[in-house]
N, C-alpha and C. Protein backbone atom coordinates (compact mmCIF):
# COMPACT_ATOMS: atom_id res chain seq x y z
N MET A 1 0.84 -1.18 0.00
CA MET A 1 0.00 0.00 0.00
C MET A 1 0.89 1.24 0.00
N ILE A 2 0.56 2.21 -0.85
CA ILE A 2 1.32 3.45 -0.91
C ILE A 2 0.93 4.36 0.24
N PHE A 3 -0.37 4.69 0.37
CA PHE A 3 -0.91 5.42 1.52
C PHE A 3 -2.41 5.19 1.58
N SER A 4 -3.00 5.57 2.69
CA SER A 4 -4.44 5.34 2.87
C SER A 4 -5.14 6.65 3.20
N PHE A 5 -6.45 6.57 3.36
CA PHE A 5 -7.29 7.73 3.66
C PHE A 5 -7.25 8.77 2.56
N ILE A 6 -7.26 8.30 1.31
CA ILE A 6 -7.35 9.17 0.15
C ILE A 6 -8.74 8.95 -0.45
N PRO A 7 -9.59 9.97 -0.47
CA PRO A 7 -10.93 9.78 -1.02
C PRO A 7 -10.93 9.91 -2.55
N GLY A 8 -11.18 8.83 -3.23
CA GLY A 8 -11.31 8.89 -4.69
C GLY A 8 -10.00 8.98 -5.43
N ASP A 9 -9.99 9.82 -6.47
CA ASP A 9 -8.84 9.92 -7.38
C ASP A 9 -7.60 10.47 -6.69
N VAL A 10 -6.46 10.04 -7.20
CA VAL A 10 -5.17 10.56 -6.77
C VAL A 10 -4.24 10.51 -7.98
N SER A 11 -3.35 11.48 -8.06
CA SER A 11 -2.34 11.45 -9.13
C SER A 11 -0.97 11.46 -8.48
N ILE A 12 -0.05 10.73 -9.09
CA ILE A 12 1.35 10.70 -8.64
C ILE A 12 2.21 10.90 -9.88
N SER A 13 3.09 11.90 -9.84
CA SER A 13 3.95 12.17 -10.99
C SER A 13 5.27 12.76 -10.51
N GLY A 14 6.32 12.53 -11.28
CA GLY A 14 7.61 13.13 -10.96
C GLY A 14 7.59 14.62 -11.29
N ASN A 15 8.19 15.44 -10.42
CA ASN A 15 8.23 16.88 -10.66
C ASN A 15 9.67 17.36 -10.53
N PRO A 16 10.29 17.77 -11.64
CA PRO A 16 11.69 18.19 -11.59
C PRO A 16 11.91 19.46 -10.75
N TRP A 17 10.95 20.36 -10.71
CA TRP A 17 11.11 21.59 -9.92
C TRP A 17 11.16 21.26 -8.43
N LEU A 18 10.28 20.39 -7.99
CA LEU A 18 10.24 20.00 -6.57
C LEU A 18 11.30 18.97 -6.23
N LYS A 19 11.85 18.31 -7.26
CA LYS A 19 12.81 17.21 -7.05
C LYS A 19 12.20 16.14 -6.16
N SER A 20 10.91 15.86 -6.42
CA SER A 20 10.20 14.83 -5.66
C SER A 20 9.00 14.35 -6.47
N TRP A 21 8.25 13.46 -5.87
CA TRP A 21 7.06 12.89 -6.49
C TRP A 21 5.85 13.41 -5.73
N PRO A 22 5.12 14.39 -6.25
CA PRO A 22 3.91 14.85 -5.57
C PRO A 22 2.72 13.93 -5.85
N ALA A 23 1.94 13.72 -4.83
CA ALA A 23 0.65 13.03 -4.94
C ALA A 23 -0.42 14.06 -4.63
N VAL A 24 -1.33 14.28 -5.56
CA VAL A 24 -2.39 15.28 -5.41
C VAL A 24 -3.72 14.55 -5.28
N HIS A 25 -4.54 14.98 -4.32
CA HIS A 25 -5.83 14.33 -4.07
C HIS A 25 -6.76 15.29 -3.35
N SER A 26 -8.04 14.94 -3.30
CA SER A 26 -9.02 15.71 -2.56
C SER A 26 -8.86 15.46 -1.07
N GLY A 27 -9.31 16.44 -0.28
CA GLY A 27 -9.35 16.24 1.16
C GLY A 27 -10.47 15.27 1.53
N PHE A 28 -10.39 14.72 2.71
CA PHE A 28 -11.36 13.74 3.17
C PHE A 28 -12.58 14.46 3.73
N PHE A 29 -13.73 14.38 3.04
CA PHE A 29 -14.95 15.09 3.41
C PHE A 29 -14.70 16.59 3.60
N ALA A 30 -13.94 17.18 2.68
CA ALA A 30 -13.60 18.60 2.73
C ALA A 30 -13.52 19.14 1.31
N ASN A 31 -13.54 20.44 1.17
CA ASN A 31 -13.42 21.08 -0.15
C ASN A 31 -12.00 21.49 -0.44
N THR A 32 -11.06 20.77 0.11
CA THR A 32 -9.65 21.10 -0.09
C THR A 32 -9.01 20.13 -1.08
N ILE A 33 -7.98 20.64 -1.75
CA ILE A 33 -7.15 19.80 -2.59
C ILE A 33 -5.79 19.76 -1.90
N GLN A 34 -5.29 18.56 -1.69
CA GLN A 34 -4.09 18.36 -0.89
C GLN A 34 -2.97 17.74 -1.70
N MET A 35 -1.76 17.90 -1.18
CA MET A 35 -0.58 17.32 -1.83
C MET A 35 0.32 16.71 -0.76
N ARG A 36 0.89 15.58 -1.10
CA ARG A 36 1.94 14.94 -0.31
C ARG A 36 3.14 14.80 -1.24
N THR A 37 4.32 14.68 -0.71
CA THR A 37 5.49 14.45 -1.56
C THR A 37 6.31 13.29 -1.02
N ALA A 38 7.09 12.70 -1.92
CA ALA A 38 7.97 11.59 -1.55
C ALA A 38 9.20 11.63 -2.45
N PRO A 39 10.32 11.07 -2.00
CA PRO A 39 11.52 11.04 -2.83
C PRO A 39 11.44 9.99 -3.94
N ALA A 40 10.47 9.08 -3.85
CA ALA A 40 10.28 8.02 -4.85
C ALA A 40 8.78 7.71 -4.93
N PRO A 41 8.33 7.13 -6.05
CA PRO A 41 6.89 6.88 -6.19
C PRO A 41 6.29 5.98 -5.11
N GLN A 42 7.09 5.15 -4.49
CA GLN A 42 6.57 4.26 -3.46
C GLN A 42 6.69 4.86 -2.05
N GLY A 43 7.19 6.09 -1.93
CA GLY A 43 7.28 6.76 -0.62
C GLY A 43 8.70 6.78 -0.09
N PRO A 44 8.86 7.10 1.15
CA PRO A 44 7.87 7.43 2.17
C PRO A 44 7.24 8.81 1.91
N TRP A 45 5.95 8.94 2.25
CA TRP A 45 5.17 10.13 1.94
C TRP A 45 5.12 11.11 3.10
N SER A 46 5.15 12.39 2.76
CA SER A 46 4.99 13.44 3.76
C SER A 46 3.53 13.49 4.22
N ASP A 47 3.29 14.24 5.27
CA ASP A 47 1.92 14.52 5.66
C ASP A 47 1.28 15.40 4.59
N PRO A 48 -0.03 15.35 4.42
CA PRO A 48 -0.67 16.18 3.40
C PRO A 48 -0.66 17.66 3.79
N VAL A 49 -0.53 18.52 2.78
CA VAL A 49 -0.68 19.97 2.95
C VAL A 49 -1.78 20.41 2.00
N THR A 50 -2.54 21.41 2.41
CA THR A 50 -3.61 21.93 1.56
C THR A 50 -3.02 22.85 0.51
N MET A 51 -3.29 22.55 -0.75
CA MET A 51 -2.85 23.40 -1.86
C MET A 51 -3.81 24.56 -2.05
N PHE A 52 -5.12 24.26 -2.01
CA PHE A 52 -6.14 25.30 -2.14
C PHE A 52 -7.49 24.73 -1.72
N THR A 53 -8.45 25.62 -1.53
CA THR A 53 -9.82 25.24 -1.23
C THR A 53 -10.65 25.44 -2.48
N GLY A 54 -11.44 24.44 -2.83
CA GLY A 54 -12.27 24.50 -4.03
C GLY A 54 -13.50 25.38 -3.85
N ALA A 55 -14.27 25.48 -4.92
CA ALA A 55 -15.51 26.26 -4.92
C ALA A 55 -16.53 25.60 -4.00
N ASP A 56 -17.45 26.40 -3.48
CA ASP A 56 -18.47 25.88 -2.57
C ASP A 56 -19.49 25.02 -3.31
N PRO A 57 -19.63 23.77 -2.90
CA PRO A 57 -20.67 22.91 -3.48
C PRO A 57 -21.98 23.11 -2.71
N PRO A 58 -23.07 22.50 -3.17
CA PRO A 58 -24.32 22.57 -2.41
C PRO A 58 -24.15 21.96 -1.02
N SER A 59 -24.99 22.38 -0.11
CA SER A 59 -24.97 21.86 1.25
C SER A 59 -25.07 20.33 1.24
N GLY A 60 -24.25 19.71 2.05
CA GLY A 60 -24.27 18.25 2.17
C GLY A 60 -23.40 17.51 1.17
N SER A 61 -22.66 18.24 0.33
CA SER A 61 -21.76 17.58 -0.62
C SER A 61 -20.37 18.20 -0.51
N ASN A 62 -19.41 17.57 -1.18
CA ASN A 62 -18.02 18.03 -1.15
C ASN A 62 -17.45 18.01 -2.56
N ASP A 63 -16.48 18.90 -2.80
CA ASP A 63 -15.70 18.80 -4.02
C ASP A 63 -14.91 17.49 -3.95
N TYR A 64 -14.62 16.90 -5.10
CA TYR A 64 -13.89 15.63 -5.10
C TYR A 64 -13.13 15.44 -6.40
N ALA A 65 -12.43 14.33 -6.50
CA ALA A 65 -11.66 13.93 -7.69
C ALA A 65 -10.53 14.89 -8.01
N GLY A 66 -9.91 15.47 -6.98
CA GLY A 66 -8.77 16.35 -7.20
C GLY A 66 -7.55 15.57 -7.64
N LYS A 67 -6.93 16.03 -8.74
CA LYS A 67 -5.69 15.39 -9.19
C LYS A 67 -4.94 16.32 -10.13
N GLU A 68 -3.63 16.13 -10.17
CA GLU A 68 -2.78 16.90 -11.07
C GLU A 68 -2.94 16.39 -12.50
N GLN A 69 -2.77 17.30 -13.44
CA GLN A 69 -2.71 16.96 -14.86
C GLN A 69 -1.27 17.18 -15.31
N PRO A 70 -0.36 16.22 -15.12
CA PRO A 70 1.07 16.45 -15.34
C PRO A 70 1.43 16.83 -16.77
N HIS A 71 0.62 16.47 -17.74
CA HIS A 71 0.91 16.82 -19.13
C HIS A 71 0.76 18.32 -19.38
N LEU A 72 0.16 19.05 -18.44
CA LEU A 72 0.01 20.50 -18.58
C LEU A 72 1.06 21.29 -17.81
N ALA A 73 1.93 20.63 -17.05
CA ALA A 73 2.93 21.32 -16.24
C ALA A 73 3.79 22.25 -17.10
N ALA A 74 4.21 23.36 -16.50
CA ALA A 74 5.01 24.36 -17.22
C ALA A 74 6.20 24.78 -16.37
N ASP A 75 7.15 25.42 -17.02
CA ASP A 75 8.35 25.95 -16.34
C ASP A 75 9.08 24.88 -15.54
N GLY A 76 9.25 23.71 -16.16
CA GLY A 76 9.99 22.64 -15.50
C GLY A 76 9.32 22.10 -14.26
N GLY A 77 7.99 22.23 -14.16
CA GLY A 77 7.26 21.74 -13.00
C GLY A 77 7.00 22.80 -11.94
N GLN A 78 7.48 24.05 -12.17
CA GLN A 78 7.22 25.10 -11.19
C GLN A 78 5.73 25.48 -11.16
N ARG A 79 5.06 25.31 -12.30
CA ARG A 79 3.62 25.53 -12.37
C ARG A 79 2.95 24.22 -12.77
N ILE A 80 2.00 23.79 -11.95
CA ILE A 80 1.24 22.59 -12.28
C ILE A 80 -0.24 22.96 -12.37
N TYR A 81 -1.01 22.06 -12.95
CA TYR A 81 -2.44 22.29 -13.11
C TYR A 81 -3.19 21.13 -12.49
N VAL A 82 -4.20 21.49 -11.70
CA VAL A 82 -4.97 20.52 -10.93
C VAL A 82 -6.44 20.65 -11.32
N THR A 83 -7.11 19.52 -11.52
CA THR A 83 -8.54 19.52 -11.76
C THR A 83 -9.26 18.92 -10.56
N TYR A 84 -10.51 19.35 -10.40
CA TYR A 84 -11.38 18.74 -9.40
C TYR A 84 -12.82 18.94 -9.83
N HIS A 85 -13.70 18.15 -9.26
CA HIS A 85 -15.14 18.20 -9.57
C HIS A 85 -15.88 18.92 -8.45
N GLN A 86 -16.70 19.90 -8.83
CA GLN A 86 -17.57 20.62 -7.89
C GLN A 86 -19.01 20.22 -8.19
N PRO A 87 -19.68 19.51 -7.27
CA PRO A 87 -21.09 19.21 -7.48
C PRO A 87 -21.90 20.52 -7.51
N THR A 88 -22.92 20.56 -8.37
CA THR A 88 -23.81 21.73 -8.42
C THR A 88 -25.26 21.34 -8.19
N GLY A 89 -25.55 20.07 -8.16
CA GLY A 89 -26.90 19.58 -7.95
C GLY A 89 -26.94 18.09 -8.20
N PHE A 90 -28.13 17.52 -8.25
CA PHE A 90 -28.28 16.09 -8.45
C PHE A 90 -27.75 15.71 -9.84
N LEU A 91 -26.74 14.85 -9.86
CA LEU A 91 -26.10 14.36 -11.08
C LEU A 91 -25.59 15.47 -11.99
N SER A 92 -25.16 16.58 -11.39
CA SER A 92 -24.59 17.67 -12.19
C SER A 92 -23.42 18.28 -11.43
N GLY A 93 -22.53 18.91 -12.19
CA GLY A 93 -21.38 19.53 -11.57
C GLY A 93 -20.49 20.21 -12.59
N ARG A 94 -19.40 20.76 -12.10
CA ARG A 94 -18.42 21.45 -12.94
C ARG A 94 -17.03 20.88 -12.67
N ILE A 95 -16.23 20.81 -13.72
CA ILE A 95 -14.82 20.47 -13.56
C ILE A 95 -14.04 21.78 -13.57
N HIS A 96 -13.21 21.98 -12.57
CA HIS A 96 -12.39 23.18 -12.46
C HIS A 96 -10.94 22.83 -12.79
N LEU A 97 -10.24 23.78 -13.41
CA LEU A 97 -8.81 23.66 -13.68
C LEU A 97 -8.13 24.81 -12.95
N VAL A 98 -7.19 24.48 -12.05
CA VAL A 98 -6.54 25.47 -11.20
C VAL A 98 -5.03 25.41 -11.42
N GLU A 99 -4.42 26.56 -11.65
CA GLU A 99 -2.96 26.64 -11.76
C GLU A 99 -2.38 26.81 -10.36
N VAL A 100 -1.36 26.03 -10.04
CA VAL A 100 -0.63 26.12 -8.78
C VAL A 100 0.82 26.40 -9.12
N ALA A 101 1.36 27.51 -8.59
CA ALA A 101 2.75 27.89 -8.84
C ALA A 101 3.56 27.72 -7.57
N PHE A 102 4.67 27.00 -7.65
CA PHE A 102 5.55 26.80 -6.51
C PHE A 102 6.60 27.91 -6.49
N LYS A 103 7.00 28.30 -5.30
CA LYS A 103 8.04 29.34 -5.15
C LYS A 103 9.34 28.74 -4.73
């Protein structure tokens, strides 16, 4: 097992800017998108940090399916792009694309 307590989708990709392997995923019953890093794809993994908070979904639901889109990374991995799903109603929602820039 790589890690546990990840709700739904997760992405793991090598990032030359960070010189590590970030894992991007949604928060557990939260509207946050989180990231962990490791020196290798199999770990050991850091504790999760919140990258950003997603858009407000309807009451009683959460944003989900947060993951990096590594094919869109720019500037050698200094800028990455993350997608997530925001529910908007019964069987409906929006996919958001968010740019994250590392310093």
